[in-house]
Amino acid sequence: MSLRKRWRPLERATIGSAPDAYGVIEFGDDEGDVLRATAGFLPDELREELSYGEASKVRWKRAQSRDHADRLLDDL
């Protein structure tokens, strides 16, 4: 199962719009196929993927805490 959110382009403006919160994140390719999913602090995870990853799209779901983000990831 994947997140039921629309894809956003993985670019600086998208990272700037991410809340300073934990969440579960899906990274995708140009076709919208999920490359990987992770849980963590949203801005940090997005910056790392933009710098070192190969994803071109992203979508996320905000969590209440790190533990909540991990549980959301387990449910994907």
Protein backbone atom coordinates (compact mmCIF):
# COMPACT_ATOMS: atom_id res chain seq x y z
CA MET A 1 0.00 0.00 0.00
CA SER A 2 1.21 3.51 -0.67
CA LEU A 3 0.27 6.99 0.48
CA ARG A 4 -2.89 8.45 -0.98
CA LYS A 5 -1.35 11.82 -1.68
CA ARG A 6 -0.48 13.52 -4.93
CA TRP A 7 3.14 13.53 -6.02
CA ARG A 8 5.14 16.75 -5.75
CA PRO A 9 8.33 17.51 -7.67
CA LEU A 10 11.40 16.96 -5.53
CA GLU A 11 12.94 20.43 -5.67
CA ARG A 12 14.01 23.17 -3.27
CA ALA A 13 10.59 24.84 -3.26
CA THR A 14 8.94 21.59 -2.21
CA ILE A 15 11.45 21.13 0.60
CA GLY A 16 10.72 24.69 1.73
CA SER A 17 7.02 23.88 1.95
CA ALA A 18 7.55 20.79 4.13
CA PRO A 19 6.62 21.21 7.78
CA ASP A 20 9.28 20.97 10.47
CA ALA A 21 7.88 17.66 11.64
CA TYR A 22 8.37 13.93 11.46
CA GLY A 23 6.55 11.95 8.85
CA VAL A 24 6.54 9.05 6.46
CA ILE A 25 7.89 9.85 3.00
CA GLU A 26 7.65 8.11 -0.37
CA PHE A 27 10.14 8.94 -3.08
CA GLY A 28 9.18 8.26 -6.69
CA ASP A 29 10.53 8.31 -10.21
CA ASP A 30 9.28 10.29 -13.22
CA GLU A 31 6.52 7.75 -13.88
CA GLY A 32 5.22 7.92 -10.31
CA ASP A 33 6.51 4.52 -9.25
CA VAL A 34 7.64 4.36 -5.63
CA LEU A 35 11.42 3.96 -5.36
CA ARG A 36 11.52 3.79 -1.58
CA ALA A 37 9.71 4.84 1.57
CA THR A 38 11.20 6.05 4.83
CA ALA A 39 10.28 7.74 8.08
CA GLY A 40 12.10 10.69 9.56
CA PHE A 41 12.29 14.44 9.99
CA LEU A 42 10.74 15.70 6.76
CA PRO A 43 13.09 18.56 5.78
CA ASP A 44 16.21 16.50 6.52
CA GLU A 45 15.02 13.46 4.56
CA LEU A 46 13.96 15.60 1.59
CA ARG A 47 17.26 17.51 1.48
CA GLU A 48 19.25 14.30 1.63
CA GLU A 49 17.28 12.73 -1.22
CA LEU A 50 17.57 15.87 -3.35
CA SER A 51 21.34 15.93 -2.81
CA TYR A 52 22.20 12.24 -3.04
CA GLY A 53 19.19 10.27 -4.24
CA GLU A 54 17.66 9.53 -7.59
CA ALA A 55 14.01 10.37 -6.93
CA SER A 56 12.27 13.10 -8.90
CA LYS A 57 8.98 13.10 -6.98
CA VAL A 58 7.96 12.99 -3.34
CA ARG A 59 4.89 12.72 -1.15
CA TRP A 60 4.57 12.56 2.62
CA LYS A 61 2.24 12.23 5.54
CA ARG A 62 2.93 14.22 8.68
CA ALA A 63 3.25 12.34 11.97
CA GLN A 64 2.89 13.35 15.62
CA SER A 65 6.31 11.99 16.61
CA ARG A 66 9.22 9.83 15.44
CA ASP A 67 7.48 6.74 16.85
CA HIS A 68 4.26 7.63 15.05
CA ALA A 69 6.19 8.06 11.78
CA ASP A 70 7.75 4.61 12.25
CA ARG A 71 4.29 3.08 12.80
CA LEU A 72 2.96 4.80 9.67
CA LEU A 73 5.86 3.37 7.69
CA ASP A 74 5.11 -0.12 9.03
CA ASP A 75 1.53 0.26 7.74
CA LEU A 76 2.63 1.02 4.15
